[in-house]
Amino acid sequence: MATHPQLQAQQRAVLGKKVRQLRRQGLLPGVVYGPAVEVPRPVAVDGKEFDRLYRHVGATTLVDLQVDGTTHTVFIRGVDRDSLGKELLHVDFYAPNLNEPTVVSVAINVVGELPASVDGVLTYGRQDVEIRALPENIPSQIEVDISGLDDEHRSIHVSDLQVPPGCEILTPGDEVVVQVAAPVVPAAVEPEAEEALAEELGDQPAALSEGAEPIEEE
């Protein structure tokens, strides 16, 4: 059986606007919901413990949530913060059926360095892909190594991604993940244009080309 990160929680009786009292006590209100629970279950977790955990796991990492002696294996599905993005306000714990495939978005992590021999600028396309798999088989992220790109192979598409056995990518395979764009070369001035400019300026001082008024002779 797979080992998951653990988080302690407690049944929450405080609901509605009264949850502010919990936050003042350092607790973060949340709810457990999904196919693996009969009815949504209000809970509260230690805000600091949750923050530490959330920094190391993503939305596709299973977590064992211990609630008063009962274990719910969950995904952290949604985290609400205040308008400044600092204070945690609420968290949703999604309890999937571990025996049935589920669909989630998995983040793409670009690693490696673009070889110096490749002429161009690296541009980014997809930042995540949709995957269908059993919850236990879902990866926390998908790595894309760009160090293998060269002048003949200048892009990586969704169809090139490697996922664990049992995972099916639902995102169209022709979508671009990363691509080396050709460098922008400044347009050269045609000789004819240079000659026309010289004729227009004539014998006027060079300062006139920068906006100075011509000097009128008396």
N, C-alpha and C. Protein backbone atom coordinates (compact mmCIF):
# COMPACT_ATOMS: atom_id res chain seq x y z
N MET A 1 0.85 -1.20 0.00
CA MET A 1 0.00 0.00 0.00
C MET A 1 0.88 1.25 0.00
N ALA A 2 0.53 2.20 -0.82
CA ALA A 2 1.33 3.42 -0.95
C ALA A 2 1.30 4.23 0.34
N THR A 3 2.43 4.89 0.60
CA THR A 3 2.54 5.76 1.77
C THR A 3 2.31 7.20 1.33
N HIS A 4 1.40 7.88 1.99
CA HIS A 4 1.07 9.26 1.65
C HIS A 4 1.46 10.20 2.79
N PRO A 5 1.69 11.46 2.47
CA PRO A 5 1.87 12.46 3.54
C PRO A 5 0.62 12.48 4.42
N GLN A 6 0.80 12.77 5.71
CA GLN A 6 -0.32 12.76 6.64
C GLN A 6 -0.58 14.15 7.19
N LEU A 7 -1.85 14.39 7.50
CA LEU A 7 -2.26 15.67 8.08
C LEU A 7 -3.37 15.40 9.08
N GLN A 8 -3.22 15.95 10.28
CA GLN A 8 -4.23 15.79 11.32
C GLN A 8 -5.34 16.83 11.15
N ALA A 9 -6.57 16.40 11.40
CA ALA A 9 -7.73 17.30 11.32
C ALA A 9 -8.70 16.94 12.43
N GLN A 10 -9.68 17.80 12.62
CA GLN A 10 -10.73 17.55 13.60
C GLN A 10 -12.08 17.91 13.00
N GLN A 11 -13.09 17.21 13.48
CA GLN A 11 -14.45 17.52 13.03
C GLN A 11 -14.77 18.97 13.40
N ARG A 12 -15.42 19.66 12.47
CA ARG A 12 -15.71 21.09 12.70
C ARG A 12 -17.22 21.28 12.88
N ALA A 13 -17.59 21.85 14.05
CA ALA A 13 -18.99 22.16 14.31
C ALA A 13 -19.31 23.60 13.99
N VAL A 14 -18.28 24.45 13.99
CA VAL A 14 -18.48 25.88 13.71
C VAL A 14 -18.64 26.07 12.22
N LEU A 15 -19.72 26.75 11.83
CA LEU A 15 -20.01 26.95 10.41
C LEU A 15 -20.27 28.43 10.13
N GLY A 16 -20.37 28.76 8.84
CA GLY A 16 -20.72 30.13 8.45
C GLY A 16 -19.67 31.15 8.85
N LYS A 17 -20.14 32.34 9.21
CA LYS A 17 -19.23 33.43 9.54
C LYS A 17 -18.48 33.19 10.85
N LYS A 18 -18.95 32.24 11.64
CA LYS A 18 -18.29 31.96 12.92
C LYS A 18 -16.91 31.31 12.74
N VAL A 19 -16.60 30.88 11.50
CA VAL A 19 -15.30 30.24 11.28
C VAL A 19 -14.15 31.23 11.50
N ARG A 20 -14.46 32.52 11.55
CA ARG A 20 -13.41 33.51 11.85
C ARG A 20 -12.79 33.23 13.21
N GLN A 21 -13.61 32.71 14.12
CA GLN A 21 -13.09 32.37 15.45
C GLN A 21 -12.02 31.29 15.34
N LEU A 22 -12.23 30.33 14.43
CA LEU A 22 -11.25 29.27 14.24
C LEU A 22 -9.94 29.83 13.72
N ARG A 23 -10.04 30.74 12.76
CA ARG A 23 -8.82 31.31 12.17
C ARG A 23 -8.02 32.07 13.23
N ARG A 24 -8.73 32.75 14.14
CA ARG A 24 -8.03 33.47 15.20
C ARG A 24 -7.30 32.51 16.14
N GLN A 25 -7.75 31.26 16.17
CA GLN A 25 -7.10 30.23 17.00
C GLN A 25 -6.01 29.49 16.22
N GLY A 26 -5.75 29.92 14.98
CA GLY A 26 -4.73 29.28 14.17
C GLY A 26 -5.21 28.07 13.40
N LEU A 27 -6.53 27.88 13.36
CA LEU A 27 -7.10 26.74 12.64
C LEU A 27 -7.61 27.17 11.27
N LEU A 28 -7.50 26.27 10.31
CA LEU A 28 -7.96 26.53 8.95
C LEU A 28 -9.20 25.68 8.67
N PRO A 29 -10.36 26.30 8.42
CA PRO A 29 -11.56 25.53 8.12
C PRO A 29 -11.47 24.89 6.74
N GLY A 30 -12.10 23.73 6.62
CA GLY A 30 -12.11 23.03 5.35
C GLY A 30 -13.29 22.08 5.27
N VAL A 31 -13.35 21.35 4.16
CA VAL A 31 -14.42 20.38 3.99
C VAL A 31 -13.88 19.19 3.20
N VAL A 32 -14.31 17.99 3.58
CA VAL A 32 -13.98 16.77 2.85
C VAL A 32 -15.21 16.38 2.05
N TYR A 33 -15.03 16.19 0.75
CA TYR A 33 -16.16 15.82 -0.10
C TYR A 33 -15.66 14.91 -1.22
N GLY A 34 -16.58 14.30 -1.94
CA GLY A 34 -16.19 13.45 -3.07
C GLY A 34 -16.83 12.08 -3.00
N PRO A 35 -16.55 11.23 -3.99
CA PRO A 35 -17.18 9.91 -4.07
C PRO A 35 -16.91 9.01 -2.87
N ALA A 36 -15.80 9.22 -2.17
CA ALA A 36 -15.44 8.32 -1.07
C ALA A 36 -16.10 8.69 0.25
N VAL A 37 -16.87 9.78 0.30
CA VAL A 37 -17.60 10.14 1.52
C VAL A 37 -19.08 10.27 1.18
N GLU A 38 -19.92 9.84 2.10
CA GLU A 38 -21.36 9.86 1.85
C GLU A 38 -21.89 11.29 1.79
N VAL A 39 -21.46 12.11 2.74
CA VAL A 39 -21.88 13.52 2.77
C VAL A 39 -20.64 14.36 3.05
N PRO A 40 -20.63 15.61 2.59
CA PRO A 40 -19.48 16.49 2.89
C PRO A 40 -19.25 16.59 4.39
N ARG A 41 -17.99 16.59 4.78
CA ARG A 41 -17.64 16.59 6.20
C ARG A 41 -16.83 17.84 6.53
N PRO A 42 -17.41 18.78 7.32
CA PRO A 42 -16.66 19.98 7.72
C PRO A 42 -15.53 19.60 8.67
N VAL A 43 -14.34 20.14 8.41
CA VAL A 43 -13.18 19.84 9.25
C VAL A 43 -12.39 21.12 9.51
N ALA A 44 -11.41 21.01 10.38
CA ALA A 44 -10.47 22.11 10.64
C ALA A 44 -9.09 21.50 10.82
N VAL A 45 -8.08 22.15 10.25
CA VAL A 45 -6.70 21.69 10.38
C VAL A 45 -5.84 22.82 10.93
N ASP A 46 -4.71 22.48 11.50
CA ASP A 46 -3.78 23.50 11.97
C ASP A 46 -3.25 24.27 10.76
N GLY A 47 -3.40 25.59 10.79
CA GLY A 47 -3.03 26.41 9.64
C GLY A 47 -1.57 26.31 9.28
N LYS A 48 -0.68 26.32 10.29
CA LYS A 48 0.76 26.26 10.02
C LYS A 48 1.17 24.89 9.49
N GLU A 49 0.59 23.83 10.06
CA GLU A 49 0.92 22.48 9.58
C GLU A 49 0.47 22.31 8.13
N PHE A 50 -0.72 22.81 7.83
CA PHE A 50 -1.20 22.70 6.45
C PHE A 50 -0.30 23.48 5.50
N ASP A 51 0.09 24.67 5.89
CA ASP A 51 0.93 25.51 5.02
C ASP A 51 2.25 24.81 4.73
N ARG A 52 2.85 24.20 5.74
CA ARG A 52 4.11 23.47 5.54
C ARG A 52 3.92 22.31 4.57
N LEU A 53 2.83 21.59 4.74
CA LEU A 53 2.56 20.45 3.86
C LEU A 53 2.30 20.91 2.43
N TYR A 54 1.51 21.95 2.29
CA TYR A 54 1.09 22.41 0.96
C TYR A 54 2.26 22.94 0.15
N ARG A 55 3.31 23.36 0.82
CA ARG A 55 4.51 23.85 0.10
C ARG A 55 5.24 22.70 -0.59
N HIS A 56 4.99 21.47 -0.15
CA HIS A 56 5.74 20.33 -0.69
C HIS A 56 4.88 19.36 -1.50
N VAL A 57 3.59 19.52 -1.47
CA VAL A 57 2.73 18.65 -2.27
C VAL A 57 1.88 19.51 -3.19
N GLY A 58 1.46 18.91 -4.28
CA GLY A 58 0.62 19.65 -5.22
C GLY A 58 -0.81 19.15 -5.18
N ALA A 59 -1.56 19.59 -6.17
CA ALA A 59 -2.97 19.23 -6.23
C ALA A 59 -3.18 17.79 -6.67
N THR A 60 -2.11 17.11 -7.11
CA THR A 60 -2.26 15.72 -7.56
C THR A 60 -1.53 14.74 -6.64
N THR A 61 -1.17 15.19 -5.45
CA THR A 61 -0.54 14.31 -4.46
C THR A 61 -1.58 13.87 -3.44
N LEU A 62 -1.73 12.57 -3.26
CA LEU A 62 -2.68 12.06 -2.27
C LEU A 62 -2.15 12.30 -0.86
N VAL A 63 -3.06 12.69 0.02
CA VAL A 63 -2.73 12.97 1.42
C VAL A 63 -3.68 12.17 2.30
N ASP A 64 -3.15 11.57 3.36
CA ASP A 64 -4.00 10.87 4.34
C ASP A 64 -4.42 11.87 5.41
N LEU A 65 -5.69 12.24 5.38
CA LEU A 65 -6.24 13.20 6.34
C LEU A 65 -6.85 12.43 7.50
N GLN A 66 -6.27 12.59 8.69
CA GLN A 66 -6.74 11.88 9.88
C GLN A 66 -7.77 12.75 10.61
N VAL A 67 -9.02 12.29 10.62
CA VAL A 67 -10.10 13.06 11.25
C VAL A 67 -10.71 12.23 12.37
N ASP A 68 -10.33 12.55 13.60
CA ASP A 68 -10.92 11.88 14.77
C ASP A 68 -10.92 10.36 14.62
N GLY A 69 -9.78 9.80 14.23
CA GLY A 69 -9.66 8.35 14.13
C GLY A 69 -10.02 7.76 12.79
N THR A 70 -10.54 8.56 11.89
CA THR A 70 -10.89 8.09 10.55
C THR A 70 -9.91 8.68 9.53
N THR A 71 -9.46 7.85 8.60
CA THR A 71 -8.53 8.31 7.57
C THR A 71 -9.26 8.52 6.25
N HIS A 72 -9.15 9.72 5.72
CA HIS A 72 -9.66 10.03 4.38
C HIS A 72 -8.46 10.27 3.47
N THR A 73 -8.34 9.50 2.40
CA THR A 73 -7.27 9.72 1.43
C THR A 73 -7.78 10.73 0.41
N VAL A 74 -7.13 11.88 0.36
CA VAL A 74 -7.70 13.03 -0.36
C VAL A 74 -6.66 13.72 -1.24
N PHE A 75 -7.17 14.49 -2.19
CA PHE A 75 -6.39 15.49 -2.91
C PHE A 75 -6.72 16.86 -2.31
N ILE A 76 -5.73 17.75 -2.28
CA ILE A 76 -6.01 19.15 -1.91
C ILE A 76 -6.53 19.82 -3.17
N ARG A 77 -7.81 19.97 -3.26
CA ARG A 77 -8.44 20.39 -4.50
C ARG A 77 -8.52 21.92 -4.65
N GLY A 78 -8.70 22.65 -3.57
CA GLY A 78 -8.83 24.10 -3.68
C GLY A 78 -8.43 24.78 -2.38
N VAL A 79 -7.67 25.87 -2.50
CA VAL A 79 -7.23 26.65 -1.34
C VAL A 79 -7.61 28.10 -1.56
N ASP A 80 -8.41 28.65 -0.65
CA ASP A 80 -8.82 30.05 -0.74
C ASP A 80 -7.94 30.90 0.17
N ARG A 81 -7.53 32.07 -0.36
CA ARG A 81 -6.74 33.03 0.42
C ARG A 81 -7.44 34.38 0.41
N ASP A 82 -6.96 35.30 1.25
CA ASP A 82 -7.54 36.64 1.27
C ASP A 82 -7.13 37.40 0.02
N SER A 83 -7.64 38.63 -0.12
CA SER A 83 -7.41 39.41 -1.34
C SER A 83 -5.94 39.71 -1.58
N LEU A 84 -5.12 39.70 -0.53
CA LEU A 84 -3.69 39.95 -0.67
C LEU A 84 -2.90 38.67 -0.93
N GLY A 85 -3.60 37.53 -0.88
CA GLY A 85 -2.93 36.26 -1.14
C GLY A 85 -2.07 35.76 -0.01
N LYS A 86 -2.24 36.29 1.19
CA LYS A 86 -1.38 35.91 2.31
C LYS A 86 -2.07 34.95 3.28
N GLU A 87 -3.24 35.35 3.78
CA GLU A 87 -3.91 34.54 4.81
C GLU A 87 -4.73 33.43 4.18
N LEU A 88 -4.56 32.21 4.71
CA LEU A 88 -5.36 31.07 4.28
C LEU A 88 -6.76 31.20 4.88
N LEU A 89 -7.78 30.99 4.05
CA LEU A 89 -9.16 31.14 4.50
C LEU A 89 -9.92 29.82 4.56
N HIS A 90 -9.69 28.94 3.57
CA HIS A 90 -10.49 27.71 3.49
C HIS A 90 -9.79 26.73 2.56
N VAL A 91 -9.99 25.44 2.80
CA VAL A 91 -9.39 24.43 1.94
C VAL A 91 -10.41 23.33 1.65
N ASP A 92 -10.41 22.86 0.41
CA ASP A 92 -11.26 21.75 -0.01
C ASP A 92 -10.42 20.48 -0.13
N PHE A 93 -10.85 19.41 0.51
CA PHE A 93 -10.20 18.11 0.40
C PHE A 93 -11.11 17.19 -0.40
N TYR A 94 -10.64 16.74 -1.56
CA TYR A 94 -11.45 15.88 -2.43
C TYR A 94 -11.06 14.43 -2.20
N ALA A 95 -12.05 13.63 -1.80
CA ALA A 95 -11.82 12.21 -1.51
C ALA A 95 -12.30 11.37 -2.69
N PRO A 96 -11.38 10.93 -3.57
CA PRO A 96 -11.79 10.16 -4.74
C PRO A 96 -12.03 8.69 -4.40
N ASN A 97 -12.70 7.99 -5.29
CA ASN A 97 -12.79 6.54 -5.20
C ASN A 97 -11.46 5.99 -5.71
N LEU A 98 -10.69 5.38 -4.83
CA LEU A 98 -9.34 4.93 -5.19
C LEU A 98 -9.34 3.80 -6.21
N ASN A 99 -10.50 3.19 -6.44
CA ASN A 99 -10.59 2.06 -7.37
C ASN A 99 -11.12 2.47 -8.74
N GLU A 100 -11.37 3.75 -8.94
CA GLU A 100 -11.89 4.22 -10.22
C GLU A 100 -11.00 5.32 -10.77
N PRO A 101 -10.80 5.34 -12.12
CA PRO A 101 -9.99 6.41 -12.72
C PRO A 101 -10.63 7.77 -12.48
N THR A 102 -9.79 8.77 -12.34
CA THR A 102 -10.25 10.15 -12.20
C THR A 102 -9.46 11.02 -13.16
N VAL A 103 -10.00 12.18 -13.49
CA VAL A 103 -9.35 13.10 -14.43
C VAL A 103 -8.83 14.31 -13.65
N VAL A 104 -7.56 14.62 -13.81
CA VAL A 104 -6.95 15.76 -13.13
C VAL A 104 -6.00 16.47 -14.08
N SER A 105 -5.66 17.71 -13.74
CA SER A 105 -4.65 18.47 -14.47
C SER A 105 -3.32 18.32 -13.74
N VAL A 106 -2.30 17.91 -14.47
CA VAL A 106 -0.97 17.70 -13.88
C VAL A 106 -0.01 18.74 -14.45
N ALA A 107 0.73 19.39 -13.57
CA ALA A 107 1.65 20.45 -13.98
C ALA A 107 2.84 19.88 -14.74
N ILE A 108 3.34 20.67 -15.70
CA ILE A 108 4.55 20.33 -16.46
C ILE A 108 5.72 21.11 -15.87
N ASN A 109 6.81 20.41 -15.58
CA ASN A 109 8.01 21.03 -15.02
C ASN A 109 9.14 20.94 -16.04
N VAL A 110 9.56 22.08 -16.57
CA VAL A 110 10.63 22.11 -17.57
C VAL A 110 11.98 22.09 -16.87
N VAL A 111 12.83 21.12 -17.24
CA VAL A 111 14.16 20.98 -16.62
C VAL A 111 15.23 20.99 -17.71
N GLY A 112 16.49 21.11 -17.28
CA GLY A 112 17.59 21.12 -18.22
C GLY A 112 17.85 22.51 -18.79
N GLU A 113 18.86 22.59 -19.64
CA GLU A 113 19.22 23.85 -20.27
C GLU A 113 19.25 23.69 -21.79
N LEU A 114 18.84 24.73 -22.48
CA LEU A 114 18.87 24.72 -23.94
C LEU A 114 20.33 24.73 -24.40
N PRO A 115 20.74 23.77 -25.25
CA PRO A 115 22.13 23.74 -25.72
C PRO A 115 22.54 25.05 -26.37
N ALA A 116 23.78 25.46 -26.13
CA ALA A 116 24.28 26.72 -26.69
C ALA A 116 24.31 26.70 -28.21
N SER A 117 24.36 25.49 -28.79
CA SER A 117 24.42 25.38 -30.25
C SER A 117 23.09 25.67 -30.93
N VAL A 118 22.00 25.69 -30.15
CA VAL A 118 20.68 25.94 -30.72
C VAL A 118 20.45 27.44 -30.83
N ASP A 119 20.21 27.90 -32.04
CA ASP A 119 20.02 29.32 -32.30
C ASP A 119 18.55 29.68 -32.18
N GLY A 120 18.19 30.49 -31.21
CA GLY A 120 16.80 30.89 -31.06
C GLY A 120 16.44 31.17 -29.61
N VAL A 121 15.16 31.43 -29.39
CA VAL A 121 14.64 31.77 -28.07
C VAL A 121 13.61 30.73 -27.66
N LEU A 122 13.74 30.21 -26.43
CA LEU A 122 12.80 29.20 -25.95
C LEU A 122 11.48 29.86 -25.56
N THR A 123 10.37 29.35 -26.11
CA THR A 123 9.04 29.84 -25.77
C THR A 123 8.23 28.70 -25.16
N TYR A 124 7.25 29.05 -24.34
CA TYR A 124 6.49 28.05 -23.60
C TYR A 124 5.04 28.01 -24.07
N GLY A 125 4.50 26.80 -24.14
CA GLY A 125 3.10 26.61 -24.50
C GLY A 125 2.31 26.08 -23.32
N ARG A 126 1.92 24.80 -23.36
CA ARG A 126 1.15 24.19 -22.29
C ARG A 126 1.95 24.17 -20.99
N GLN A 127 1.28 24.50 -19.89
CA GLN A 127 1.90 24.42 -18.57
C GLN A 127 1.36 23.24 -17.76
N ASP A 128 0.31 22.61 -18.28
CA ASP A 128 -0.23 21.41 -17.64
C ASP A 128 -0.98 20.59 -18.68
N VAL A 129 -1.28 19.35 -18.34
CA VAL A 129 -2.06 18.48 -19.22
C VAL A 129 -3.10 17.74 -18.40
N GLU A 130 -4.18 17.35 -19.05
CA GLU A 130 -5.20 16.54 -18.39
C GLU A 130 -4.83 15.08 -18.50
N ILE A 131 -4.95 14.38 -17.38
CA ILE A 131 -4.60 12.96 -17.33
C ILE A 131 -5.74 12.19 -16.67
N ARG A 132 -6.00 10.99 -17.20
CA ARG A 132 -6.96 10.09 -16.56
C ARG A 132 -6.20 8.86 -16.05
N ALA A 133 -6.38 8.57 -14.77
CA ALA A 133 -5.68 7.43 -14.17
C ALA A 133 -6.30 7.13 -12.81
N LEU A 134 -5.95 5.98 -12.27
CA LEU A 134 -6.32 5.70 -10.89
C LEU A 134 -5.60 6.70 -9.99
N PRO A 135 -6.24 7.15 -8.93
CA PRO A 135 -5.62 8.17 -8.07
C PRO A 135 -4.21 7.83 -7.60
N GLU A 136 -3.95 6.56 -7.31
CA GLU A 136 -2.63 6.16 -6.83
C GLU A 136 -1.55 6.29 -7.91
N ASN A 137 -1.95 6.31 -9.19
CA ASN A 137 -0.98 6.33 -10.28
C ASN A 137 -0.70 7.72 -10.82
N ILE A 138 -1.41 8.72 -10.34
CA ILE A 138 -1.26 10.07 -10.88
C ILE A 138 0.05 10.68 -10.41
N PRO A 139 0.90 11.16 -11.34
CA PRO A 139 2.17 11.78 -10.93
C PRO A 139 1.94 13.17 -10.36
N SER A 140 2.85 13.61 -9.51
CA SER A 140 2.74 14.96 -8.95
C SER A 140 3.05 16.02 -9.99
N GLN A 141 3.89 15.66 -10.99
CA GLN A 141 4.22 16.56 -12.09
C GLN A 141 4.82 15.74 -13.22
N ILE A 142 4.94 16.35 -14.39
CA ILE A 142 5.56 15.70 -15.54
C ILE A 142 6.78 16.52 -15.94
N GLU A 143 7.94 15.89 -15.95
CA GLU A 143 9.17 16.61 -16.30
C GLU A 143 9.40 16.60 -17.81
N VAL A 144 9.85 17.74 -18.30
CA VAL A 144 10.20 17.89 -19.71
C VAL A 144 11.64 18.39 -19.78
N ASP A 145 12.53 17.59 -20.36
CA ASP A 145 13.95 17.94 -20.44
C ASP A 145 14.24 18.60 -21.79
N ILE A 146 14.67 19.86 -21.75
CA ILE A 146 14.92 20.60 -22.99
C ILE A 146 16.37 20.48 -23.46
N SER A 147 17.21 19.77 -22.70
CA SER A 147 18.62 19.68 -23.08
C SER A 147 18.83 18.85 -24.34
N GLY A 148 17.81 18.09 -24.77
CA GLY A 148 17.94 17.28 -25.97
C GLY A 148 17.50 17.99 -27.24
N LEU A 149 17.05 19.23 -27.14
CA LEU A 149 16.64 19.97 -28.33
C LEU A 149 17.86 20.33 -29.18
N ASP A 150 17.66 20.37 -30.50
CA ASP A 150 18.71 20.80 -31.41
C ASP A 150 18.06 21.53 -32.58
N ASP A 151 18.88 21.89 -33.58
CA ASP A 151 18.35 22.67 -34.70
C ASP A 151 17.40 21.87 -35.58
N GLU A 152 17.43 20.55 -35.49
CA GLU A 152 16.49 19.72 -36.25
C GLU A 152 15.22 19.44 -35.44
N HIS A 153 15.37 19.31 -34.15
CA HIS A 153 14.23 19.06 -33.26
C HIS A 153 14.10 20.26 -32.32
N ARG A 154 13.25 21.21 -32.72
CA ARG A 154 13.19 22.49 -32.03
C ARG A 154 11.94 22.64 -31.15
N SER A 155 11.19 21.57 -30.95
CA SER A 155 9.97 21.68 -30.15
C SER A 155 9.66 20.36 -29.46
N ILE A 156 8.87 20.47 -28.39
CA ILE A 156 8.35 19.30 -27.68
C ILE A 156 6.84 19.47 -27.59
N HIS A 157 6.12 18.43 -28.02
CA HIS A 157 4.66 18.46 -28.02
C HIS A 157 4.12 17.56 -26.92
N VAL A 158 2.83 17.66 -26.67
CA VAL A 158 2.18 16.83 -25.66
C VAL A 158 2.39 15.35 -25.97
N SER A 159 2.39 15.00 -27.25
CA SER A 159 2.58 13.60 -27.64
C SER A 159 3.96 13.07 -27.27
N ASP A 160 4.91 13.95 -26.99
CA ASP A 160 6.27 13.54 -26.61
C ASP A 160 6.42 13.28 -25.11
N LEU A 161 5.42 13.63 -24.32
CA LEU A 161 5.53 13.51 -22.87
C LEU A 161 5.53 12.05 -22.42
N GLN A 162 6.31 11.78 -21.38
CA GLN A 162 6.39 10.44 -20.80
C GLN A 162 5.62 10.44 -19.47
N VAL A 163 4.66 9.54 -19.36
CA VAL A 163 3.86 9.43 -18.13
C VAL A 163 3.95 8.01 -17.59
N PRO A 164 3.69 7.82 -16.30
CA PRO A 164 3.77 6.47 -15.72
C PRO A 164 2.75 5.53 -16.35
N PRO A 165 3.01 4.21 -16.25
CA PRO A 165 2.04 3.23 -16.75
C PRO A 165 0.67 3.43 -16.10
N GLY A 166 -0.36 3.25 -16.89
CA GLY A 166 -1.72 3.40 -16.37
C GLY A 166 -2.27 4.79 -16.49
N CYS A 167 -1.46 5.73 -16.99
CA CYS A 167 -1.91 7.12 -17.15
C CYS A 167 -2.23 7.39 -18.62
N GLU A 168 -3.35 8.00 -18.87
CA GLU A 168 -3.75 8.37 -20.23
C GLU A 168 -3.83 9.89 -20.33
N ILE A 169 -3.08 10.46 -21.27
CA ILE A 169 -3.12 11.91 -21.48
C ILE A 169 -4.31 12.24 -22.37
N LEU A 170 -5.17 13.14 -21.90
CA LEU A 170 -6.37 13.52 -22.65
C LEU A 170 -6.16 14.78 -23.48
N THR A 171 -5.15 15.57 -23.16
CA THR A 171 -4.86 16.79 -23.92
C THR A 171 -4.39 16.42 -25.32
N PRO A 172 -4.86 17.11 -26.37
CA PRO A 172 -4.44 16.80 -27.75
C PRO A 172 -2.92 16.76 -27.89
N GLY A 173 -2.43 15.73 -28.58
CA GLY A 173 -1.00 15.51 -28.69
C GLY A 173 -0.25 16.53 -29.50
N ASP A 174 -0.97 17.29 -30.37
CA ASP A 174 -0.26 18.25 -31.22
C ASP A 174 -0.04 19.60 -30.54
N GLU A 175 -0.50 19.75 -29.29
CA GLU A 175 -0.29 21.02 -28.60
C GLU A 175 1.16 21.14 -28.16
N VAL A 176 1.70 22.37 -28.29
CA VAL A 176 3.11 22.62 -28.01
C VAL A 176 3.34 22.81 -26.51
N VAL A 177 4.41 22.19 -26.01
CA VAL A 177 4.83 22.39 -24.62
C VAL A 177 5.94 23.45 -24.57
N VAL A 178 7.00 23.22 -25.33
CA VAL A 178 8.07 24.21 -25.49
C VAL A 178 8.50 24.23 -26.95
N GLN A 179 9.03 25.36 -27.37
CA GLN A 179 9.45 25.50 -28.76
C GLN A 179 10.55 26.55 -28.86
N VAL A 180 11.52 26.28 -29.72
CA VAL A 180 12.59 27.25 -29.95
C VAL A 180 12.19 28.12 -31.14
N ALA A 181 11.93 29.38 -30.86
CA ALA A 181 11.54 30.32 -31.91
C ALA A 181 12.78 30.90 -32.56
N ALA A 182 12.69 31.14 -33.87
CA ALA A 182 13.82 31.72 -34.60
C ALA A 182 14.12 33.11 -34.06
N PRO A 183 15.40 33.48 -33.95
CA PRO A 183 15.75 34.81 -33.46
C PRO A 183 15.25 35.90 -34.39
N VAL A 184 14.89 37.04 -33.83
CA VAL A 184 14.41 38.16 -34.63
C VAL A 184 15.61 38.92 -35.17
N VAL A 185 15.70 39.00 -36.50
CA VAL A 185 16.81 39.70 -37.15
C VAL A 185 16.32 41.06 -37.62
N PRO A 186 16.98 42.17 -37.22
CA PRO A 186 16.55 43.50 -37.67
C PRO A 186 16.56 43.59 -39.19
N ALA A 187 15.52 44.22 -39.73
CA ALA A 187 15.41 44.35 -41.18
C ALA A 187 16.52 45.26 -41.71
N ALA A 188 17.18 44.80 -42.78
CA ALA A 188 18.25 45.59 -43.38
C ALA A 188 17.66 46.72 -44.23
N VAL A 189 18.32 47.87 -44.23
CA VAL A 189 17.87 49.01 -45.03
C VAL A 189 18.33 48.81 -46.46
N GLU A 190 17.39 48.86 -47.40
CA GLU A 190 17.72 48.69 -48.81
C GLU A 190 18.60 49.84 -49.30
N PRO A 191 19.56 49.55 -50.20
CA PRO A 191 20.42 50.62 -50.74
C PRO A 191 19.63 51.75 -51.37
N GLU A 192 18.51 51.40 -52.06
CA GLU A 192 17.70 52.44 -52.70
C GLU A 192 17.13 53.40 -51.67
N ALA A 193 16.75 52.87 -50.50
CA ALA A 193 16.19 53.71 -49.46
C ALA A 193 17.25 54.65 -48.90
N GLU A 194 18.48 54.16 -48.77
CA GLU A 194 19.56 55.01 -48.28
C GLU A 194 19.84 56.16 -49.24
N GLU A 195 19.83 55.84 -50.56
CA GLU A 195 20.09 56.88 -51.56
C GLU A 195 18.99 57.93 -51.55
N ALA A 196 17.73 57.50 -51.43
CA ALA A 196 16.61 58.44 -51.41
C ALA A 196 16.70 59.36 -50.21
N LEU A 197 17.11 58.81 -49.05
CA LEU A 197 17.24 59.63 -47.85
C LEU A 197 18.34 60.66 -48.02
N ALA A 198 19.46 60.25 -48.64
CA ALA A 198 20.56 61.19 -48.86
C ALA A 198 20.16 62.33 -49.78
N GLU A 199 19.38 62.01 -50.84
CA GLU A 199 18.92 63.06 -51.76
C GLU A 199 17.98 64.02 -51.07
N GLU A 200 17.14 63.50 -50.17
CA GLU A 200 16.17 64.35 -49.47
C GLU A 200 16.86 65.32 -48.54
N LEU A 201 17.92 64.85 -47.86
CA LEU A 201 18.63 65.72 -46.94
C LEU A 201 19.51 66.73 -47.67
N GLY A 202 20.02 66.34 -48.83
CA GLY A 202 20.84 67.24 -49.63
C GLY A 202 22.05 67.72 -48.86
N ASP A 203 22.27 69.06 -48.92
CA ASP A 203 23.45 69.63 -48.27
C ASP A 203 23.14 70.20 -46.90
N GLN A 204 21.95 69.90 -46.33
CA GLN A 204 21.61 70.43 -45.01
C GLN A 204 22.55 69.83 -43.97
N PRO A 205 22.81 70.58 -42.88
CA PRO A 205 23.65 70.05 -41.80
C PRO A 205 23.06 68.78 -41.21
N ALA A 206 23.90 67.96 -40.65
CA ALA A 206 23.47 66.67 -40.08
C ALA A 206 22.46 66.86 -38.97
N ALA A 207 22.48 68.01 -38.29
CA ALA A 207 21.55 68.25 -37.18
C ALA A 207 20.11 68.23 -37.64
N LEU A 208 19.87 68.54 -38.94
CA LEU A 208 18.49 68.58 -39.43
C LEU A 208 17.86 67.21 -39.40
N SER A 209 18.66 66.16 -39.53
CA SER A 209 18.10 64.81 -39.49
C SER A 209 17.61 64.45 -38.11
N GLU A 210 17.96 65.27 -37.11
CA GLU A 210 17.52 65.03 -35.74
C GLU A 210 16.43 66.00 -35.32
N GLY A 211 15.87 66.77 -36.31
CA GLY A 211 14.71 67.60 -36.00
C GLY A 211 14.99 69.07 -35.90
N ALA A 212 16.21 69.57 -36.14
CA ALA A 212 16.49 71.01 -36.04
C ALA A 212 15.91 71.74 -37.24
N GLU A 213 15.54 73.01 -37.05
CA GLU A 213 14.98 73.82 -38.13
C GLU A 213 16.10 74.28 -39.07
N PRO A 214 15.86 74.30 -40.39
CA PRO A 214 16.87 74.78 -41.33
C PRO A 214 17.14 76.26 -41.11
N ILE A 215 18.38 76.70 -41.38
CA ILE A 215 18.78 78.10 -41.23
C ILE A 215 18.48 78.84 -42.52
N GLU A 216 17.68 79.91 -42.43
CA GLU A 216 17.33 80.70 -43.61
C GLU A 216 18.33 81.82 -43.78
N GLU A 217 18.84 81.98 -45.02
CA GLU A 217 19.79 83.04 -45.32
C GLU A 217 19.06 84.34 -45.58
N GLU A 218 19.64 85.45 -45.09
CA GLU A 218 19.04 86.77 -45.31
C GLU A 218 19.43 87.29 -46.68
